[in-house]
Amino acid sequence: MSLRIRRCRHLLIEPRERVALDLAALLNGGDSLVAEQAWIALAAHLDEEVELDPAELAALGAAPLQAWTDGTAFSATHGEGVVERLLDSGLLLSEPPRREEANRRDTELRELHWWTPAAVTHARSRWSGVDAERGDNGAPGSVEAMIERFGAPPPELVSLREPAQRTPLPMPSASALSDLLSRRMSCRNFDAATALGLDDLGGILHRVFGVQGRHELAPGAVALKKGSPSGGGLHPLEAYLLVQRVDGIAPGLYHYHAGDHALEPMGRPDDGAALASAFVAGQPWFADAPVLVAICARFWRHQWKYRNHPKAYRVLHLEAGHFSQTLFLAAAERDLGAFITAAINEHAVEQAFGLSPGADGPLAVCGFGARAARMETFELDPNHRVWPEGSGAA
């Protein structure tokens, strides 16, 4: 069977400039710094980026995107070595497949109707093995260190007019909602010895992710009502749980069935604490939560409607934010702590729950549970609604 080839579907090419030290130029009295340009291929179906030389770049640009073409004729035009390197990298795909996994993932992404910049962004921003405690997450460190490095941050408030030009507004009257909002804050101090009550788990999951109502829009198309809004009423976000300490629930991995309000078991990890740490990129103040919830998008449901849409990926993150706020409020109502973090190792979540990254992907990890008796890690509570003055970290 003759080899047929085509280019991968979701691909961006980034020109990068490298600055190197030229010792010869320096010794001759010239400029010691030399800039070199490199072409980097960023493909949504690959876990690694690929550097291209000019011949490979030209061949890749000439390869068809949809239809398969004869590999022998293409190699005759662009060079057999060039084509072989592109096939080995996975940027060129072949039938029969040279790299079966690359072919499979590219085919899957083609069928999911991703907008190419979003597909590449999602793929290239996924972490694997990042540990925030080691400092390998790119964060510059303390606020003091950031100010020393970058200068003072932009002002905390935006003022577009002089005070005399502003129209004062009436303050809202006190209510149960205002009290709840004042107690809504991120928890970084969980009680590592206290289990979460089953009623608390069920109550929060139902408030946040559970189905509150249904409406059939057309035969086979059902819209759900939940506690947070969703683009197009599709509700493509799913809750995958790592249970560590919950009364009446065995530690392990679960999927929350939003319609039945039930947990579906998905196995028990050998080391749940290590997996929790991997989920939240080594942030110990989050890994101690009794239950961690990976908010994962069913891209294939969302993009059934929003095909190749430039706003689709952004909407999913907005939805994750809405759901996390509802989770914070539901936890605060029960005097529990909660958190959300996007600093996660997506690969660890995908592997734990058997998710295919192009079809079902984690956007963030939340958690909730009882607070510790003392604040060891700083939490922002300027009004001391949760932590009394002198109760812990300054």
Protein backbone atom coordinates (compact mmCIF):
# COMPACT_ATOMS: atom_id res chain seq x y z
CA MET A 1 0.00 0.00 0.00
CA SER A 2 1.42 3.38 -1.00
CA LEU A 3 1.98 5.96 1.72
CA ARG A 4 -0.49 8.85 1.88
CA ILE A 5 0.17 11.99 3.92
CA ARG A 6 -1.51 15.17 5.10
CA ARG A 7 -0.81 17.93 7.62
CA CYS A 8 -2.20 17.87 11.15
CA ARG A 9 -5.38 19.90 11.65
CA HIS A 10 -4.62 22.26 14.57
CA LEU A 11 -1.23 23.91 14.15
CA LEU A 12 0.35 27.29 14.89
CA ILE A 13 3.87 28.36 13.93
CA GLU A 14 5.68 30.72 16.30
CA PRO A 15 8.81 32.64 15.28
CA ARG A 16 11.17 32.89 18.24
CA GLU A 17 14.33 34.90 18.62
CA ARG A 18 17.28 33.45 20.50
CA VAL A 19 20.08 35.69 21.70
CA ALA A 20 23.47 33.99 22.00
CA LEU A 21 26.97 35.13 22.94
CA ASP A 22 29.35 35.35 19.95
CA LEU A 23 32.84 35.10 21.41
CA ALA A 24 34.56 35.61 18.06
CA ALA A 25 32.71 38.86 17.48
CA LEU A 26 33.48 39.98 21.02
CA LEU A 27 37.22 39.33 20.57
CA ASN A 28 37.16 41.28 17.30
CA GLY A 29 35.56 44.25 19.02
CA GLY A 30 32.10 43.72 17.59
CA ASP A 31 28.69 43.10 19.13
CA SER A 32 28.93 40.02 21.35
CA LEU A 33 25.21 39.25 21.20
CA VAL A 34 23.80 37.56 18.10
CA ALA A 35 20.07 37.06 17.48
CA GLU A 36 18.96 33.88 15.75
CA GLN A 37 15.42 33.15 14.61
CA ALA A 38 13.83 29.76 15.12
CA TRP A 39 10.51 28.44 13.84
CA ILE A 40 8.53 26.49 16.46
CA ALA A 41 5.55 24.32 15.57
CA LEU A 42 2.83 24.17 18.23
CA ALA A 43 0.34 21.40 17.49
CA ALA A 44 -2.73 20.61 19.58
CA HIS A 45 -2.38 16.84 19.18
CA LEU A 46 1.25 16.69 20.38
CA ASP A 47 2.59 17.04 23.91
CA GLU A 48 5.85 18.56 22.73
CA GLU A 49 6.74 21.51 20.52
CA VAL A 50 8.82 20.93 17.39
CA GLU A 51 11.54 23.17 15.98
CA LEU A 52 11.54 23.43 12.18
CA ASP A 53 14.21 24.35 9.69
CA PRO A 54 13.23 26.41 6.61
CA ALA A 55 12.85 23.33 4.39
CA GLU A 56 10.57 21.61 6.90
CA LEU A 57 8.55 24.79 7.32
CA ALA A 58 8.05 25.07 3.56
CA ALA A 59 7.06 21.41 3.23
CA LEU A 60 4.62 21.63 6.09
CA GLY A 61 3.01 24.68 4.55
CA ALA A 62 2.62 22.86 1.22
CA ALA A 63 1.02 19.73 2.71
CA PRO A 64 -2.76 19.41 2.32
CA LEU A 65 -4.91 19.81 5.42
CA GLN A 66 -7.96 17.70 4.57
CA ALA A 67 -7.32 15.37 1.64
CA TRP A 68 -4.58 12.75 1.68
CA THR A 69 -1.87 13.08 -0.96
CA ASP A 70 0.66 10.64 -2.36
CA GLY A 71 3.68 10.49 -0.07
CA THR A 72 6.13 9.43 -2.78
CA ALA A 73 5.32 12.40 -5.01
CA PHE A 74 5.38 14.79 -2.05
CA SER A 75 8.81 13.48 -0.98
CA ALA A 76 10.13 13.90 -4.51
CA THR A 77 9.19 17.57 -4.38
CA HIS A 78 10.23 18.44 -0.82
CA GLY A 79 12.97 15.92 -0.07
CA GLU A 80 12.70 12.48 1.46
CA GLY A 81 14.68 13.43 4.56
CA VAL A 82 12.48 16.47 5.21
CA VAL A 83 9.29 14.44 4.90
CA GLU A 84 10.67 11.66 7.10
CA ARG A 85 11.51 14.12 9.89
CA LEU A 86 8.05 15.66 9.70
CA LEU A 87 6.43 12.22 9.83
CA ASP A 88 8.57 11.25 12.81
CA SER A 89 7.58 14.47 14.61
CA GLY A 90 3.85 13.85 14.08
CA LEU A 91 3.29 17.13 12.24
CA LEU A 92 2.77 15.20 9.03
CA LEU A 93 0.39 12.27 9.38
CA SER A 94 0.35 9.19 7.23
CA GLU A 95 -1.82 6.29 6.14
CA PRO A 96 -0.78 3.71 7.17
CA PRO A 97 0.12 5.66 10.35
CA ARG A 98 3.76 6.31 11.25
CA ARG A 99 2.72 7.44 14.76
CA GLU A 100 -0.59 5.82 15.64
CA GLU A 101 -1.23 7.97 18.75
CA ALA A 102 -0.60 11.18 16.79
CA ASN A 103 -3.02 10.04 14.09
CA ARG A 104 -5.65 9.10 16.67
CA ARG A 105 -5.46 12.38 18.57
CA ASP A 106 -5.49 14.46 15.39
CA THR A 107 -8.56 12.59 14.13
CA GLU A 108 -10.31 13.09 17.47
CA LEU A 109 -9.62 16.83 17.44
CA ARG A 110 -10.87 17.15 13.86
CA GLU A 111 -14.19 15.62 14.93
CA LEU A 112 -14.54 17.92 17.96
CA HIS A 113 -14.70 21.18 15.98
CA TRP A 114 -12.06 23.10 17.91
CA TRP A 115 -11.07 26.60 16.87
CA THR A 116 -7.36 26.19 16.16
CA PRO A 117 -5.93 28.93 18.45
CA ALA A 118 -8.05 27.60 21.34
CA ALA A 119 -7.07 23.99 20.65
CA VAL A 120 -3.37 24.88 20.69
CA THR A 121 -3.77 27.07 23.78
CA HIS A 122 -5.51 24.28 25.67
CA ALA A 123 -2.93 21.71 24.66
CA ARG A 124 0.15 23.84 25.32
CA SER A 125 -1.06 25.20 28.70
CA ARG A 126 -1.59 21.75 30.25
CA TRP A 127 0.88 20.96 33.03
CA SER A 128 2.55 17.69 33.90
CA GLY A 129 4.67 17.19 37.03
CA VAL A 130 4.69 20.86 38.07
CA ASP A 131 5.25 21.44 41.79
CA ALA A 132 4.51 24.92 43.11
CA GLU A 133 6.43 24.26 46.32
CA ARG A 134 9.59 23.68 44.29
CA GLY A 135 8.96 27.00 42.59
CA ASP A 136 8.78 25.51 39.09
CA ASN A 137 5.35 26.98 38.26
CA GLY A 138 6.75 30.26 36.98
CA ALA A 139 5.51 32.34 39.93
CA PRO A 140 8.03 34.97 41.08
CA GLY A 141 7.46 34.35 44.82
CA SER A 142 6.32 36.73 47.54
CA VAL A 143 4.69 40.10 46.95
CA GLU A 144 7.85 41.76 48.26
CA ALA A 145 9.93 39.84 45.72
CA MET A 146 7.54 40.82 42.93
CA ILE A 147 7.73 44.52 43.88
CA GLU A 148 11.51 44.33 43.98
CA ARG A 149 11.59 42.70 40.57
CA PHE A 150 8.72 44.43 38.74
CA GLY A 151 8.09 47.60 40.75
CA ALA A 152 4.82 48.48 42.47
CA PRO A 153 1.65 46.90 41.03
CA PRO A 154 -0.98 48.98 39.22
CA PRO A 155 -3.28 50.80 41.69
CA GLU A 156 -5.95 48.70 43.39
CA LEU A 157 -8.75 51.06 42.27
CA VAL A 158 -9.49 52.79 38.98
CA SER A 159 -10.47 56.49 39.17
CA LEU A 160 -11.58 58.12 35.93
CA ARG A 161 -13.03 61.34 37.40
CA GLU A 162 -12.37 63.67 40.34
CA PRO A 163 -14.28 62.80 43.55
CA ALA A 164 -16.61 65.79 43.14
CA GLN A 165 -17.79 64.44 39.78
CA ARG A 166 -18.90 61.06 41.20
CA THR A 167 -22.51 60.29 42.08
CA PRO A 168 -22.75 58.51 45.44
CA LEU A 169 -25.00 55.42 45.51
CA PRO A 170 -27.04 54.05 48.40
CA MET A 171 -25.50 51.16 50.32
CA PRO A 172 -27.44 47.88 50.33
CA SER A 173 -29.26 46.91 53.50
CA ALA A 174 -27.94 43.97 55.47
CA SER A 175 -29.27 40.59 54.35
CA ALA A 176 -28.49 36.90 54.52
CA LEU A 177 -26.82 37.19 51.12
CA SER A 178 -24.55 40.05 52.19
CA ASP A 179 -23.56 38.08 55.28
CA LEU A 180 -22.80 35.03 53.15
CA LEU A 181 -20.75 37.05 50.69
CA SER A 182 -18.74 38.58 53.51
CA ARG A 183 -17.78 35.09 54.70
CA ARG A 184 -16.96 33.84 51.22
CA MET A 185 -13.17 33.51 50.93
CA SER A 186 -10.48 31.12 49.78
CA CYS A 187 -9.41 28.55 52.35
CA ARG A 188 -5.75 27.57 52.63
CA ASN A 189 -5.99 25.94 56.06
CA PHE A 190 -7.97 22.69 56.12
CA ASP A 191 -8.22 20.42 59.15
CA ALA A 192 -6.27 17.39 57.99
CA ALA A 193 -7.82 15.19 60.69
CA THR A 194 -11.51 16.04 60.20
CA ALA A 195 -13.73 14.18 57.75
CA LEU A 196 -16.42 15.94 55.75
CA GLY A 197 -19.98 15.00 56.63
CA LEU A 198 -21.95 13.10 54.01
CA ASP A 199 -24.77 15.66 54.24
CA ASP A 200 -22.30 18.44 53.53
CA LEU A 201 -20.89 16.60 50.51
CA GLY A 202 -24.31 15.85 49.09
CA GLY A 203 -25.66 19.32 49.80
CA ILE A 204 -22.78 21.16 48.17
CA LEU A 205 -22.59 18.91 45.12
CA HIS A 206 -26.33 19.26 44.51
CA ARG A 207 -26.29 23.04 44.95
CA VAL A 208 -23.32 23.44 42.63
CA PHE A 209 -23.45 20.67 40.02
CA GLY A 210 -26.82 18.97 40.48
CA VAL A 211 -29.69 19.16 38.02
CA GLN A 212 -32.42 21.51 39.25
CA GLY A 213 -34.71 21.14 36.24
CA ARG A 214 -34.95 20.00 32.61
CA HIS A 215 -36.48 21.30 29.42
CA GLU A 216 -36.60 19.50 26.07
CA LEU A 217 -35.75 22.04 23.39
CA ALA A 218 -36.29 19.54 20.57
CA PRO A 219 -36.36 15.76 20.26
CA GLY A 220 -33.00 14.57 21.60
CA ALA A 221 -31.92 18.02 22.82
CA VAL A 222 -32.40 18.60 26.56
CA ALA A 223 -31.42 21.78 28.39
CA LEU A 224 -30.65 21.55 32.10
CA LYS A 225 -31.18 24.04 34.89
CA LYS A 226 -28.34 24.18 37.44
CA GLY A 227 -27.22 26.63 40.10
CA SER A 228 -24.97 28.53 37.68
CA PRO A 229 -25.40 29.78 34.10
CA SER A 230 -24.06 27.95 31.06
CA GLY A 231 -23.47 29.11 27.50
CA GLY A 232 -26.29 27.88 25.28
CA GLY A 233 -27.80 26.00 28.23
CA LEU A 234 -25.49 23.10 27.37
CA HIS A 235 -23.92 22.58 30.83
CA PRO A 236 -20.83 20.73 29.57
CA LEU A 237 -18.98 20.90 32.91
CA GLU A 238 -18.58 17.68 34.90
CA ALA A 239 -17.41 17.12 38.48
CA TYR A 240 -14.75 14.44 39.06
CA LEU A 241 -13.95 13.85 42.73
CA LEU A 242 -10.94 12.70 44.68
CA VAL A 243 -12.41 11.79 48.06
CA GLN A 244 -9.92 11.73 50.93
CA ARG A 245 -12.02 12.05 54.12
CA VAL A 246 -15.80 11.86 53.83
CA ASP A 247 -18.03 10.04 56.30
CA GLY A 248 -19.64 7.01 54.68
CA ILE A 249 -17.67 7.26 51.40
CA ALA A 250 -14.60 5.13 50.75
CA PRO A 251 -11.54 7.16 49.75
CA GLY A 252 -11.04 7.09 46.00
CA LEU A 253 -11.98 8.54 42.63
CA TYR A 254 -15.57 9.29 41.66
CA HIS A 255 -17.67 10.95 39.00
CA TYR A 256 -20.70 12.92 40.16
CA HIS A 257 -23.85 11.94 38.24
CA ALA A 258 -25.69 15.26 38.18
CA GLY A 259 -29.05 13.77 37.19
CA ASP A 260 -29.19 10.97 39.77
CA HIS A 261 -27.34 12.99 42.43
CA ALA A 262 -25.01 10.05 43.00
CA LEU A 263 -21.33 9.14 42.92
CA GLU A 264 -19.99 6.73 40.32
CA PRO A 265 -16.84 4.92 41.53
CA MET A 266 -13.79 5.17 39.28
CA GLY A 267 -11.15 3.33 41.28
CA ARG A 268 -8.87 3.90 44.22
CA PRO A 269 -5.36 5.30 43.75
CA ASP A 270 -2.39 3.64 45.44
CA ASP A 271 -1.51 6.90 47.16
CA GLY A 272 -4.41 9.33 47.40
CA ALA A 273 -2.40 12.03 49.17
CA ALA A 274 0.26 12.02 46.45
CA LEU A 275 -2.41 12.19 43.76
CA ALA A 276 -4.11 15.11 45.52
CA SER A 277 -0.79 16.92 45.60
CA ALA A 278 -0.26 16.20 41.91
CA PHE A 279 -3.73 17.51 41.05
CA VAL A 280 -3.02 20.91 42.66
CA ALA A 281 0.60 21.17 41.49
CA GLY A 282 2.08 20.55 44.94
CA GLN A 283 0.17 23.28 46.79
CA PRO A 284 -0.03 21.69 50.28
CA TRP A 285 -2.63 24.16 51.56
CA PHE A 286 -5.08 22.77 48.97
CA ALA A 287 -4.03 19.11 48.89
CA ASP A 288 -5.26 18.62 52.48
CA ALA A 289 -8.93 19.29 51.62
CA PRO A 290 -11.24 16.34 52.43
CA VAL A 291 -12.54 16.31 48.88
CA LEU A 292 -11.08 17.72 45.67
CA VAL A 293 -13.30 18.36 42.66
CA ALA A 294 -11.82 18.58 39.18
CA ILE A 295 -14.10 20.74 37.04
CA CYS A 296 -13.79 19.15 33.61
CA ALA A 297 -15.32 20.31 30.33
CA ARG A 298 -16.97 17.98 27.88
CA PHE A 299 -15.63 19.84 24.87
CA TRP A 300 -17.53 17.55 22.53
CA ARG A 301 -20.90 18.66 23.96
CA HIS A 302 -20.00 22.35 24.07
CA GLN A 303 -18.62 22.40 20.54
CA TRP A 304 -21.53 20.46 19.12
CA LYS A 305 -23.18 23.90 19.02
CA TYR A 306 -20.16 26.24 18.99
CA ARG A 307 -18.20 24.66 16.14
CA ASN A 308 -14.82 26.23 15.37
CA HIS A 309 -16.05 29.23 17.38
CA PRO A 310 -13.48 31.79 18.62
CA LYS A 311 -15.45 32.41 21.86
CA ALA A 312 -16.22 28.80 22.81
CA TYR A 313 -13.11 28.13 24.91
CA ARG A 314 -13.45 31.45 26.76
CA VAL A 315 -17.06 30.66 27.70
CA LEU A 316 -16.03 27.39 29.33
CA HIS A 317 -13.67 29.20 31.69
CA LEU A 318 -16.35 31.73 32.52
CA GLU A 319 -18.64 28.84 33.43
CA ALA A 320 -15.99 27.25 35.63
CA GLY A 321 -15.73 30.59 37.45
CA HIS A 322 -19.49 30.72 37.96
CA PHE A 323 -19.55 27.18 39.35
CA SER A 324 -16.67 27.84 41.71
CA GLN A 325 -18.40 30.94 43.12
CA THR A 326 -21.53 28.90 43.74
CA LEU A 327 -19.35 26.31 45.45
CA PHE A 328 -17.76 28.97 47.66
CA LEU A 329 -21.19 30.25 48.71
CA ALA A 330 -22.56 26.77 49.35
CA ALA A 331 -19.52 25.97 51.51
CA ALA A 332 -19.66 29.30 53.38
CA GLU A 333 -23.33 28.67 54.18
CA ARG A 334 -22.21 25.52 56.02
CA ASP A 335 -19.25 27.25 57.68
CA LEU A 336 -16.81 25.26 55.56
CA GLY A 337 -13.74 26.42 53.72
CA ALA A 338 -13.41 26.21 49.93
CA PHE A 339 -10.87 26.94 47.22
CA ILE A 340 -10.38 26.99 43.47
CA THR A 341 -7.07 26.84 41.62
CA ALA A 342 -6.12 26.77 37.96
CA ALA A 343 -2.54 25.87 38.92
CA ILE A 344 -3.11 22.17 38.29
CA ASN A 345 -1.38 19.28 36.57
CA GLU A 346 -3.92 18.54 33.87
CA HIS A 347 -2.10 15.39 32.82
CA ALA A 348 -2.48 13.90 36.32
CA VAL A 349 -6.23 14.58 36.34
CA GLU A 350 -6.69 13.17 32.84
CA GLN A 351 -4.77 10.00 33.64
CA ALA A 352 -6.52 9.44 36.98
CA PHE A 353 -10.01 9.62 35.47
CA GLY A 354 -9.20 8.22 32.03
CA LEU A 355 -10.01 11.44 30.16
CA SER A 356 -9.01 12.14 26.58
CA PRO A 357 -7.50 15.66 26.64
CA GLY A 358 -9.15 16.90 23.46
CA ALA A 359 -12.61 15.63 24.39
CA ASP A 360 -12.77 16.00 28.19
CA GLY A 361 -10.36 18.34 29.93
CA PRO A 362 -9.87 19.77 33.43
CA LEU A 363 -10.18 23.55 33.70
CA ALA A 364 -9.65 23.93 37.45
CA VAL A 365 -9.67 22.03 40.75
CA CYS A 366 -11.87 23.01 43.70
CA GLY A 367 -12.06 21.62 47.20
CA PHE A 368 -13.93 22.11 50.44
CA GLY A 369 -14.01 20.96 54.04
CA ALA A 370 -13.60 21.98 57.67
CA ARG A 371 -11.11 24.71 58.43
CA ALA A 372 -8.16 24.15 60.73
CA ALA A 373 -8.25 25.65 64.22
CA ARG A 374 -5.44 28.06 63.39
CA MET A 375 -4.38 29.98 60.29
CA GLU A 376 -0.91 28.70 59.44
CA THR A 377 -1.00 29.82 55.79
CA PHE A 378 -2.18 33.36 55.07
CA GLU A 379 -5.78 33.86 53.97
CA LEU A 380 -7.24 37.19 52.87
CA ASP A 381 -9.81 38.05 55.57
CA PRO A 382 -9.42 41.81 56.16
CA ASN A 383 -12.75 42.08 57.99
CA HIS A 384 -12.03 39.07 60.25
CA ARG A 385 -15.31 37.38 59.42
CA VAL A 386 -13.69 33.92 59.44
CA TRP A 387 -10.47 34.34 61.39
CA PRO A 388 -10.49 36.48 64.58
CA GLU A 389 -7.58 38.86 64.99
CA GLY A 390 -4.49 37.11 66.32
CA SER A 391 -5.64 33.66 65.15
CA GLY A 392 -2.71 32.95 62.87
CA ALA A 393 -0.61 34.12 59.94
CA ALA A 394 -0.25 37.87 59.59
